[in-house]
PDB file of N, CA and C in Angstrom:
ATOM      1  N   MET A   1      -2.709  31.664   1.108  1.00  0.00           N
ATOM      2  CA  MET A   1      -2.032  30.631   1.381  1.00  0.00           C
ATOM      3  C   MET A   1      -0.930  30.081  -0.007  1.00  0.00           C
ATOM      4  N   ASN A   2       0.125  29.889   0.294  1.00  0.00           N
ATOM      5  CA  ASN A   2       1.129  29.355  -0.578  1.00  0.00           C
ATOM      6  C   ASN A   2       0.655  27.911  -0.973  1.00  0.00           C
ATOM      7  N   LYS A   3       0.493  27.583  -2.228  1.00  0.00           N
ATOM      8  CA  LYS A   3       0.032  25.978  -2.720  1.00  0.00           C
ATOM      9  C   LYS A   3       1.236  25.427  -3.592  1.00  0.00           C
ATOM     10  N   ILE A   4       2.162  25.807  -3.571  1.00  0.00           N
ATOM     11  CA  ILE A   4       3.607  25.387  -4.021  1.00  0.00           C
ATOM     12  C   ILE A   4       4.202  25.027  -2.663  1.00  0.00           C
ATOM     13  N   TYR A   5       4.662  23.663  -2.634  1.00  0.00           N
ATOM     14  CA  TYR A   5       5.478  23.442  -1.675  1.00  0.00           C
ATOM     15  C   TYR A   5       6.792  22.608  -2.090  1.00  0.00           C
ATOM     16  N   PRO A   6       7.934  22.973  -1.303  1.00  0.00           N
ATOM     17  CA  PRO A   6       9.361  22.516  -1.759  1.00  0.00           C
ATOM     18  C   PRO A   6       9.295  21.046  -1.923  1.00  0.00           C
ATOM     19  N   SER A   7       8.430  20.063  -1.191  1.00  0.00           N
ATOM     20  CA  SER A   7       8.314  18.500  -1.445  1.00  0.00           C
ATOM     21  C   SER A   7       7.244  18.032  -1.037  1.00  0.00           C
ATOM     22  N   ALA A   8       6.989  17.038  -1.170  1.00  0.00           N
ATOM     23  CA  ALA A   8       5.697  16.121  -0.956  1.00  0.00           C
ATOM     24  C   ALA A   8       5.539  15.879   0.367  1.00  0.00           C
ATOM     25  N   GLU A   9       6.547  16.047   1.102  1.00  0.00           N
ATOM     26  CA  GLU A   9       6.916  15.626   2.771  1.00  0.00           C
ATOM     27  C   GLU A   9       6.264  16.942   3.324  1.00  0.00           C
ATOM     28  N   ALA A  10       6.610  18.186   2.808  1.00  0.00           N
ATOM     29  CA  ALA A  10       6.081  19.362   3.450  1.00  0.00           C
ATOM     30  C   ALA A  10       4.516  19.357   3.146  1.00  0.00           C
ATOM     31  N   ALA A  11       4.265  19.041   1.699  1.00  0.00           N
ATOM     32  CA  ALA A  11       2.812  19.458   1.269  1.00  0.00           C
ATOM     33  C   ALA A  11       2.021  18.554   2.194  1.00  0.00           C
ATOM     34  N   LEU A  12       2.586  17.593   2.814  1.00  0.00           N
ATOM     35  CA  LEU A  12       1.634  16.646   3.722  1.00  0.00           C
ATOM     36  C   LEU A  12       1.811  16.936   5.087  1.00  0.00           C
ATOM     37  N   GLU A  13       2.257  17.888   5.369  1.00  0.00           N
ATOM     38  CA  GLU A  13       2.881  18.058   7.185  1.00  0.00           C
ATOM     39  C   GLU A  13       1.602  18.426   7.946  1.00  0.00           C
ATOM     40  N   GLY A  14       1.540  18.027   8.877  1.00  0.00           N
ATOM     41  CA  GLY A  14       0.197  18.157   9.445  1.00  0.00           C
ATOM     42  C   GLY A  14      -1.098  17.900   9.221  1.00  0.00           C
ATOM     43  N   LEU A  15      -1.151  16.923   8.124  1.00  0.00           N
ATOM     44  CA  LEU A  15      -2.424  16.556   7.386  1.00  0.00           C
ATOM     45  C   LEU A  15      -2.770  15.091   7.766  1.00  0.00           C
ATOM     46  N   LEU A  16      -1.474  14.377   7.941  1.00  0.00           N
ATOM     47  CA  LEU A  16      -1.693  12.848   8.142  1.00  0.00           C
ATOM     48  C   LEU A  16      -2.186  12.253   9.549  1.00  0.00           C
ATOM     49  N   TYR A  17      -2.866  11.425   9.555  1.00  0.00           N
ATOM     50  CA  TYR A  17      -3.264  10.708  10.962  1.00  0.00           C
ATOM     51  C   TYR A  17      -3.558   9.198  10.535  1.00  0.00           C
ATOM     52  N   ASP A  18      -3.365   8.357  11.517  1.00  0.00           N
ATOM     53  CA  ASP A  18      -3.900   6.739  11.458  1.00  0.00           C
ATOM     54  C   ASP A  18      -5.459   6.606  11.269  1.00  0.00           C
ATOM     55  N   GLY A  19      -5.679   6.013  10.218  1.00  0.00           N
ATOM     56  CA  GLY A  19      -7.182   5.571  10.014  1.00  0.00           C
ATOM     57  C   GLY A  19      -7.621   6.418   8.845  1.00  0.00           C
ATOM     58  N   MET A  20      -6.918   7.726   8.269  1.00  0.00           N
ATOM     59  CA  MET A  20      -7.416   8.433   7.559  1.00  0.00           C
ATOM     60  C   MET A  20      -7.829   7.606   6.182  1.00  0.00           C
ATOM     61  N   THR A  21      -8.710   8.306   5.445  1.00  0.00           N
ATOM     62  CA  THR A  21      -9.054   8.041   4.085  1.00  0.00           C
ATOM     63  C   THR A  21      -8.492   8.758   3.104  1.00  0.00           C
ATOM     64  N   ILE A  22      -7.797   8.321   2.030  1.00  0.00           N
ATOM     65  CA  ILE A  22      -7.267   8.961   0.949  1.00  0.00           C
ATOM     66  C   ILE A  22      -7.568   8.568  -0.606  1.00  0.00           C
ATOM     67  N   MET A  23      -7.959   9.485  -1.368  1.00  0.00           N
ATOM     68  CA  MET A  23      -8.136   8.969  -2.750  1.00  0.00           C
ATOM     69  C   MET A  23      -7.405   9.386  -3.662  1.00  0.00           C
ATOM     70  N   SER A  24      -6.703   8.615  -4.545  1.00  0.00           N
ATOM     71  CA  SER A  24      -5.582   8.549  -5.085  1.00  0.00           C
ATOM     72  C   SER A  24      -5.988   8.567  -6.561  1.00  0.00           C
ATOM     73  N   GLY A  25      -5.563   9.645  -7.354  1.00  0.00           N
ATOM     74  CA  GLY A  25      -5.699   9.474  -8.989  1.00  0.00           C
ATOM     75  C   GLY A  25      -4.705   8.922  -9.595  1.00  0.00           C
ATOM     76  N   GLY A  26      -4.932   9.041 -10.799  1.00  0.00           N
ATOM     77  CA  GLY A  26      -4.195   8.144 -11.757  1.00  0.00           C
ATOM     78  C   GLY A  26      -4.994   7.088 -12.741  1.00  0.00           C
ATOM     79  N   PHE A  27      -4.163   6.401 -13.350  1.00  0.00           N
ATOM     80  CA  PHE A  27      -5.001   5.509 -14.383  1.00  0.00           C
ATOM     81  C   PHE A  27      -3.967   4.356 -14.579  1.00  0.00           C
ATOM     82  N   GLY A  28      -4.071   3.282 -13.873  1.00  0.00           N
ATOM     83  CA  GLY A  28      -2.950   2.421 -14.004  1.00  0.00           C
ATOM     84  C   GLY A  28      -1.799   2.863 -13.183  1.00  0.00           C
ATOM     85  N   LEU A  29      -0.658   2.863 -14.094  1.00  0.00           N
ATOM     86  CA  LEU A  29       0.368   3.326 -13.274  1.00  0.00           C
ATOM     87  C   LEU A  29       0.862   4.754 -13.753  1.00  0.00           C
ATOM     88  N   CYS A  30      -0.206   5.267 -14.542  1.00  0.00           N
ATOM     89  CA  CYS A  30       0.146   6.681 -15.428  1.00  0.00           C
ATOM     90  C   CYS A  30      -0.649   7.517 -14.434  1.00  0.00           C
ATOM     91  N   GLY A  31      -0.120   8.801 -14.026  1.00  0.00           N
ATOM     92  CA  GLY A  31      -0.489   9.892 -13.431  1.00  0.00           C
ATOM     93  C   GLY A  31      -0.825   9.746 -12.039  1.00  0.00           C
ATOM     94  N   ILE A  32      -0.083   8.768 -11.419  1.00  0.00           N
ATOM     95  CA  ILE A  32      -0.510   8.509  -9.995  1.00  0.00           C
ATOM     96  C   ILE A  32       0.745   9.563  -9.288  1.00  0.00           C
ATOM     97  N   PRO A  33       0.116   9.863  -8.126  1.00  0.00           N
ATOM     98  CA  PRO A  33       0.826  10.859  -7.161  1.00  0.00           C
ATOM     99  C   PRO A  33       2.115  10.012  -6.658  1.00  0.00           C
ATOM    100  N   GLU A  34       3.008  10.018  -7.295  1.00  0.00           N
ATOM    101  CA  GLU A  34       4.560   8.956  -6.975  1.00  0.00           C
ATOM    102  C   GLU A  34       4.709   9.672  -5.765  1.00  0.00           C
ATOM    103  N   ASN A  35       5.189  10.846  -5.760  1.00  0.00           N
ATOM    104  CA  ASN A  35       5.813  11.533  -4.926  1.00  0.00           C
ATOM    105  C   ASN A  35       5.366  11.492  -3.339  1.00  0.00           C
ATOM    106  N   LEU A  36       3.805  11.818  -3.566  1.00  0.00           N
ATOM    107  CA  LEU A  36       3.026  11.744  -2.150  1.00  0.00           C
ATOM    108  C   LEU A  36       2.914  10.542  -1.503  1.00  0.00           C
ATOM    109  N   ILE A  37       2.862   9.474  -2.682  1.00  0.00           N
ATOM    110  CA  ILE A  37       2.799   8.017  -2.054  1.00  0.00           C
ATOM    111  C   ILE A  37       3.925   7.651  -1.304  1.00  0.00           C
ATOM    112  N   ASN A  38       5.070   8.459  -1.807  1.00  0.00           N
ATOM    113  CA  ASN A  38       6.365   8.089  -1.221  1.00  0.00           C
ATOM    114  C   ASN A  38       6.441   8.591   0.137  1.00  0.00           C
ATOM    115  N   ALA A  39       6.099  10.052   0.163  1.00  0.00           N
ATOM    116  CA  ALA A  39       5.762  10.858   1.544  1.00  0.00           C
ATOM    117  C   ALA A  39       5.121  10.090   2.449  1.00  0.00           C
ATOM    118  N   LEU A  40       3.829   9.266   2.161  1.00  0.00           N
ATOM    119  CA  LEU A  40       3.083   8.451   3.011  1.00  0.00           C
ATOM    120  C   LEU A  40       3.939   7.227   3.464  1.00  0.00           C
ATOM    121  N   LEU A  41       4.796   6.690   2.569  1.00  0.00           N
ATOM    122  CA  LEU A  41       5.246   5.508   3.078  1.00  0.00           C
ATOM    123  C   LEU A  41       6.251   5.930   4.118  1.00  0.00           C
ATOM    124  N   LYS A  42       6.912   7.076   4.048  1.00  0.00           N
ATOM    125  CA  LYS A  42       7.999   7.568   4.908  1.00  0.00           C
ATOM    126  C   LYS A  42       7.554   8.077   6.081  1.00  0.00           C
ATOM    127  N   SER A  43       6.516   8.396   6.107  1.00  0.00           N
ATOM    128  CA  SER A  43       5.572   8.987   7.456  1.00  0.00           C
ATOM    129  C   SER A  43       5.171   8.014   8.344  1.00  0.00           C
ATOM    130  N   ASN A  44       5.170   6.734   7.697  1.00  0.00           N
ATOM    131  CA  ASN A  44       4.467   5.398   8.589  1.00  0.00           C
ATOM    132  C   ASN A  44       3.142   5.554   9.134  1.00  0.00           C
ATOM    133  N   VAL A  45       2.436   6.342   8.554  1.00  0.00           N
ATOM    134  CA  VAL A  45       0.918   6.572   8.761  1.00  0.00           C
ATOM    135  C   VAL A  45       0.260   5.037   8.682  1.00  0.00           C
ATOM    136  N   GLN A  46      -0.680   4.428   9.659  1.00  0.00           N
ATOM    137  CA  GLN A  46      -1.181   3.417   9.553  1.00  0.00           C
ATOM    138  C   GLN A  46      -2.756   3.375   9.473  1.00  0.00           C
ATOM    139  N   ASN A  47      -2.951   2.193   9.082  1.00  0.00           N
ATOM    140  CA  ASN A  47      -4.616   1.913   9.000  1.00  0.00           C
ATOM    141  C   ASN A  47      -5.484   2.719   7.924  1.00  0.00           C
ATOM    142  N   LEU A  48      -4.564   2.832   6.669  1.00  0.00           N
ATOM    143  CA  LEU A  48      -5.316   3.717   5.853  1.00  0.00           C
ATOM    144  C   LEU A  48      -6.525   3.211   5.011  1.00  0.00           C
ATOM    145  N   THR A  49      -7.344   3.762   4.842  1.00  0.00           N
ATOM    146  CA  THR A  49      -8.333   3.338   3.528  1.00  0.00           C
ATOM    147  C   THR A  49      -7.972   3.995   2.525  1.00  0.00           C
ATOM    148  N   ILE A  50      -7.982   3.367   1.354  1.00  0.00           N
ATOM    149  CA  ILE A  50      -7.432   4.325   0.084  1.00  0.00           C
ATOM    150  C   ILE A  50      -8.436   3.855  -0.945  1.00  0.00           C
ATOM    151  N   ILE A  51      -8.492   4.996  -1.575  1.00  0.00           N
ATOM    152  CA  ILE A  51     -10.016   4.266  -3.092  1.00  0.00           C
ATOM    153  C   ILE A  51      -8.756   5.217  -4.258  1.00  0.00           C
ATOM    154  N   SER A  52      -8.911   4.209  -5.190  1.00  0.00           N
ATOM    155  CA  SER A  52      -8.028   4.229  -6.165  1.00  0.00           C
ATOM    156  C   SER A  52      -8.917   3.379  -7.370  1.00  0.00           C
ATOM    157  N   ASN A  53      -8.403   3.726  -8.650  1.00  0.00           N
ATOM    158  CA  ASN A  53      -9.046   2.601  -9.382  1.00  0.00           C
ATOM    159  C   ASN A  53      -8.357   1.101  -9.549  1.00  0.00           C
ATOM    160  N   ASN A  54      -6.957   1.187  -8.801  1.00  0.00           N
ATOM    161  CA  ASN A  54      -6.257  -0.118  -8.891  1.00  0.00           C
ATOM    162  C   ASN A  54      -5.230   0.206  -7.574  1.00  0.00           C
ATOM    163  N   CYS A  55      -4.812  -0.870  -7.195  1.00  0.00           N
ATOM    164  CA  CYS A  55      -3.760  -0.716  -6.033  1.00  0.00           C
ATOM    165  C   CYS A  55      -2.238  -1.135  -6.296  1.00  0.00           C
ATOM    166  N   GLY A  56      -1.892  -0.427  -7.651  1.00  0.00           N
ATOM    167  CA  GLY A  56      -0.660  -0.293  -8.279  1.00  0.00           C
ATOM    168  C   GLY A  56      -0.061  -1.861  -8.362  1.00  0.00           C
ATOM    169  N   VAL A  57       1.208  -1.842  -8.461  1.00  0.00           N
ATOM    170  CA  VAL A  57       2.002  -3.194  -8.625  1.00  0.00           C
ATOM    171  C   VAL A  57       2.847  -3.523  -7.516  1.00  0.00           C
ATOM    172  N   ASP A  58       3.220  -4.692  -7.577  1.00  0.00           N
ATOM    173  CA  ASP A  58       4.085  -5.064  -5.962  1.00  0.00           C
ATOM    174  C   ASP A  58       5.150  -3.997  -5.821  1.00  0.00           C
ATOM    175  N   ASN A  59       6.125  -3.521  -6.589  1.00  0.00           N
ATOM    176  CA  ASN A  59       6.877  -2.576  -6.102  1.00  0.00           C
ATOM    177  C   ASN A  59       6.883  -0.848  -6.476  1.00  0.00           C
ATOM    178  N   PHE A  60       5.732  -0.704  -6.789  1.00  0.00           N
ATOM    179  CA  PHE A  60       5.353   0.927  -7.142  1.00  0.00           C
ATOM    180  C   PHE A  60       4.052   1.312  -6.920  1.00  0.00           C
ATOM    181  N   GLY A  61       3.922   2.513  -6.892  1.00  0.00           N
ATOM    182  CA  GLY A  61       2.719   3.001  -6.618  1.00  0.00           C
ATOM    183  C   GLY A  61       2.208   2.721  -5.360  1.00  0.00           C
ATOM    184  N   LEU A  62       0.959   2.571  -5.135  1.00  0.00           N
ATOM    185  CA  LEU A  62       0.254   1.963  -3.965  1.00  0.00           C
ATOM    186  C   LEU A  62       0.839   0.677  -3.404  1.00  0.00           C
ATOM    187  N   GLY A  63       1.304   0.039  -4.121  1.00  0.00           N
ATOM    188  CA  GLY A  63       1.907  -1.473  -3.917  1.00  0.00           C
ATOM    189  C   GLY A  63       3.027  -1.290  -2.813  1.00  0.00           C
ATOM    190  N   LEU A  64       3.816   0.072  -2.627  1.00  0.00           N
ATOM    191  CA  LEU A  64       4.791   0.229  -1.966  1.00  0.00           C
ATOM    192  C   LEU A  64       4.032   0.427  -0.285  1.00  0.00           C
ATOM    193  N   LEU A  65       2.802   0.970  -0.138  1.00  0.00           N
ATOM    194  CA  LEU A  65       2.136   0.833   0.922  1.00  0.00           C
ATOM    195  C   LEU A  65       1.398  -0.366   1.541  1.00  0.00           C
ATOM    196  N   LEU A  66       1.111  -1.271   0.657  1.00  0.00           N
ATOM    197  CA  LEU A  66       0.669  -2.623   0.975  1.00  0.00           C
ATOM    198  C   LEU A  66       1.995  -3.481   1.166  1.00  0.00           C
ATOM    199  N   GLN A  67       3.300  -3.144   0.732  1.00  0.00           N
ATOM    200  CA  GLN A  67       4.111  -3.900   1.277  1.00  0.00           C
ATOM    201  C   GLN A  67       4.284  -3.725   2.850  1.00  0.00           C
ATOM    202  N   THR A  68       4.127  -2.454   3.248  1.00  0.00           N
ATOM    203  CA  THR A  68       4.923  -2.106   4.467  1.00  0.00           C
ATOM    204  C   THR A  68       3.188  -2.388   5.254  1.00  0.00           C
ATOM    205  N   LYS A  69       2.349  -2.603   4.810  1.00  0.00           N
ATOM    206  CA  LYS A  69       0.821  -2.924   5.404  1.00  0.00           C
ATOM    207  C   LYS A  69       0.360  -1.893   6.121  1.00  0.00           C
ATOM    208  N   GLN A  70       0.645  -0.520   5.745  1.00  0.00           N
ATOM    209  CA  GLN A  70      -0.435   0.820   5.938  1.00  0.00           C
ATOM    210  C   GLN A  70      -1.595   0.853   5.540  1.00  0.00           C
ATOM    211  N   ILE A  71      -1.945  -0.149   4.705  1.00  0.00           N
ATOM    212  CA  ILE A  71      -3.132   0.096   4.073  1.00  0.00           C
ATOM    213  C   ILE A  71      -3.989  -0.889   4.473  1.00  0.00           C
ATOM    214  N   LYS A  72      -5.378  -0.506   5.612  1.00  0.00           N
ATOM    215  CA  LYS A  72      -5.937  -1.679   6.095  1.00  0.00           C
ATOM    216  C   LYS A  72      -7.311  -2.063   5.307  1.00  0.00           C
ATOM    217  N   LYS A  73      -8.016  -0.938   4.182  1.00  0.00           N
ATOM    218  CA  LYS A  73      -8.743  -1.428   3.462  1.00  0.00           C
ATOM    219  C   LYS A  73      -8.340  -0.702   1.872  1.00  0.00           C
ATOM    220  N   MET A  74      -8.905  -1.401   1.015  1.00  0.00           N
ATOM    221  CA  MET A  74      -8.763  -0.888  -0.553  1.00  0.00           C
ATOM    222  C   MET A  74     -10.127  -0.859  -1.095  1.00  0.00           C
ATOM    223  N   ILE A  75     -10.574   0.450  -1.676  1.00  0.00           N
ATOM    224  CA  ILE A  75     -11.604   0.424  -2.530  1.00  0.00           C
ATOM    225  C   ILE A  75     -11.243   0.683  -3.907  1.00  0.00           C
ATOM    226  N   SER A  76     -11.340  -0.160  -4.903  1.00  0.00           N
ATOM    227  CA  SER A  76     -10.861   0.016  -6.300  1.00  0.00           C
ATOM    228  C   SER A  76     -11.695  -0.834  -7.272  1.00  0.00           C
ATOM    229  N   SER A  77     -11.447  -0.673  -8.585  1.00  0.00           N
ATOM    230  CA  SER A  77     -12.325  -1.126  -9.669  1.00  0.00           C
ATOM    231  C   SER A  77     -11.461  -2.347 -10.044  1.00  0.00           C
ATOM    232  N   TYR A  78     -10.185  -2.320  -9.811  1.00  0.00           N
ATOM    233  CA  TYR A  78      -9.170  -3.207 -10.750  1.00  0.00           C
ATOM    234  C   TYR A  78      -7.953  -3.687  -9.823  1.00  0.00           C
ATOM    235  N   VAL A  79      -8.112  -4.952  -9.549  1.00  0.00           N
ATOM    236  CA  VAL A  79      -6.919  -5.300  -8.535  1.00  0.00           C
ATOM    237  C   VAL A  79      -6.076  -6.413  -9.023  1.00  0.00           C
ATOM    238  N   GLY A  80      -6.041  -6.909 -10.165  1.00  0.00           N
ATOM    239  CA  GLY A  80      -5.272  -8.024 -10.779  1.00  0.00           C
ATOM    240  C   GLY A  80      -3.651  -7.784 -11.217  1.00  0.00           C
ATOM    241  N   GLU A  81      -3.154  -6.722 -10.797  1.00  0.00           N
ATOM    242  CA  GLU A  81      -1.857  -7.025 -11.223  1.00  0.00           C
ATOM    243  C   GLU A  81      -1.102  -6.960  -9.719  1.00  0.00           C
ATOM    244  N   ASN A  82      -1.601  -7.018  -8.956  1.00  0.00           N
ATOM    245  CA  ASN A  82      -0.641  -6.791  -7.590  1.00  0.00           C
ATOM    246  C   ASN A  82      -1.020  -8.144  -6.606  1.00  0.00           C
ATOM    247  N   LYS A  83       0.421  -8.909  -6.678  1.00  0.00           N
ATOM    248  CA  LYS A  83       0.265 -10.294  -5.838  1.00  0.00           C
ATOM    249  C   LYS A  83       0.323 -10.084  -4.586  1.00  0.00           C
ATOM    250  N   ILE A  84       0.610  -8.643  -3.813  1.00  0.00           N
ATOM    251  CA  ILE A  84       0.631  -8.547  -2.476  1.00  0.00           C
ATOM    252  C   ILE A  84      -0.817  -8.086  -2.186  1.00  0.00           C
ATOM    253  N   PHE A  85      -1.577  -7.515  -2.685  1.00  0.00           N
ATOM    254  CA  PHE A  85      -2.933  -7.221  -2.554  1.00  0.00           C
ATOM    255  C   PHE A  85      -3.934  -8.364  -2.698  1.00  0.00           C
ATOM    256  N   GLU A  86      -3.433  -9.417  -3.637  1.00  0.00           N
ATOM    257  CA  GLU A  86      -4.405 -10.648  -3.625  1.00  0.00           C
ATOM    258  C   GLU A  86      -3.841 -11.395  -2.401  1.00  0.00           C
ATOM    259  N   GLN A  87      -2.595 -11.530  -2.015  1.00  0.00           N
ATOM    260  CA  GLN A  87      -2.379 -12.233  -0.759  1.00  0.00           C
ATOM    261  C   GLN A  87      -3.103 -11.716   0.639  1.00  0.00           C
ATOM    262  N   GLN A  88      -2.929 -10.413   0.742  1.00  0.00           N
ATOM    263  CA  GLN A  88      -3.339  -9.608   2.111  1.00  0.00           C
ATOM    264  C   GLN A  88      -5.078  -9.729   1.763  1.00  0.00           C
ATOM    265  N   TYR A  89      -5.599  -9.968   0.640  1.00  0.00           N
ATOM    266  CA  TYR A  89      -7.182 -10.020   0.763  1.00  0.00           C
ATOM    267  C   TYR A  89      -7.485 -11.442   0.974  1.00  0.00           C
ATOM    268  N   LEU A  90      -6.897 -12.375   0.804  1.00  0.00           N
ATOM    269  CA  LEU A  90      -7.082 -13.963   1.002  1.00  0.00           C
ATOM    270  C   LEU A  90      -6.748 -14.194   2.428  1.00  0.00           C
ATOM    271  N   ASP A  91      -5.695 -13.413   2.809  1.00  0.00           N
ATOM    272  CA  ASP A  91      -5.292 -13.784   4.222  1.00  0.00           C
ATOM    273  C   ASP A  91      -6.130 -12.994   5.377  1.00  0.00           C
ATOM    274  N   THR A  92      -6.987 -12.167   4.668  1.00  0.00           N
ATOM    275  CA  THR A  92      -7.961 -11.369   5.671  1.00  0.00           C
ATOM    276  C   THR A  92      -7.375 -10.167   6.372  1.00  0.00           C
ATOM    277  N   SER A  93      -6.031  -9.801   5.907  1.00  0.00           N
ATOM    278  CA  SER A  93      -5.226  -8.744   6.743  1.00  0.00           C
ATOM    279  C   SER A  93      -5.572  -7.362   6.101  1.00  0.00           C
ATOM    280  N   ILE A  94      -6.367  -7.513   5.114  1.00  0.00           N
ATOM    281  CA  ILE A  94      -6.752  -6.263   4.147  1.00  0.00           C
ATOM    282  C   ILE A  94      -8.155  -6.471   3.673  1.00  0.00           C
ATOM    283  N   ARG A  95      -9.115  -5.514   3.863  1.00  0.00           N
ATOM    284  CA  ARG A  95     -10.453  -5.359   3.408  1.00  0.00           C
ATOM    285  C   ARG A  95     -10.534  -4.802   2.241  1.00  0.00           C
ATOM    286  N   ALA A  96     -11.672  -5.152   1.633  1.00  0.00           N
ATOM    287  CA  ALA A  96     -12.005  -4.808   0.140  1.00  0.00           C
ATOM    288  C   ALA A  96     -13.214  -4.375  -0.249  1.00  0.00           C
TER     289      ALA A  96
END
């Protein structure tokens, strides 16, 4: 099996489905799988459960998936920098 793909979209081909759970690495905004997050954004997969130590910021990282409301549940240890997450949590459109 070839583990090198020409793009993030190619690496995720056939693996994504609505309602899946994804664990994302990185610390803060360092070391996050930026290209894979952008591929998830383009795929329009919905109702994701995301496990990460944080939910990014409003316009970067996992925050992009929050903007498009592709995340239904967020499991993380720190959420203090993301206003979109805060609003979605308070209006109960996302579970935590």
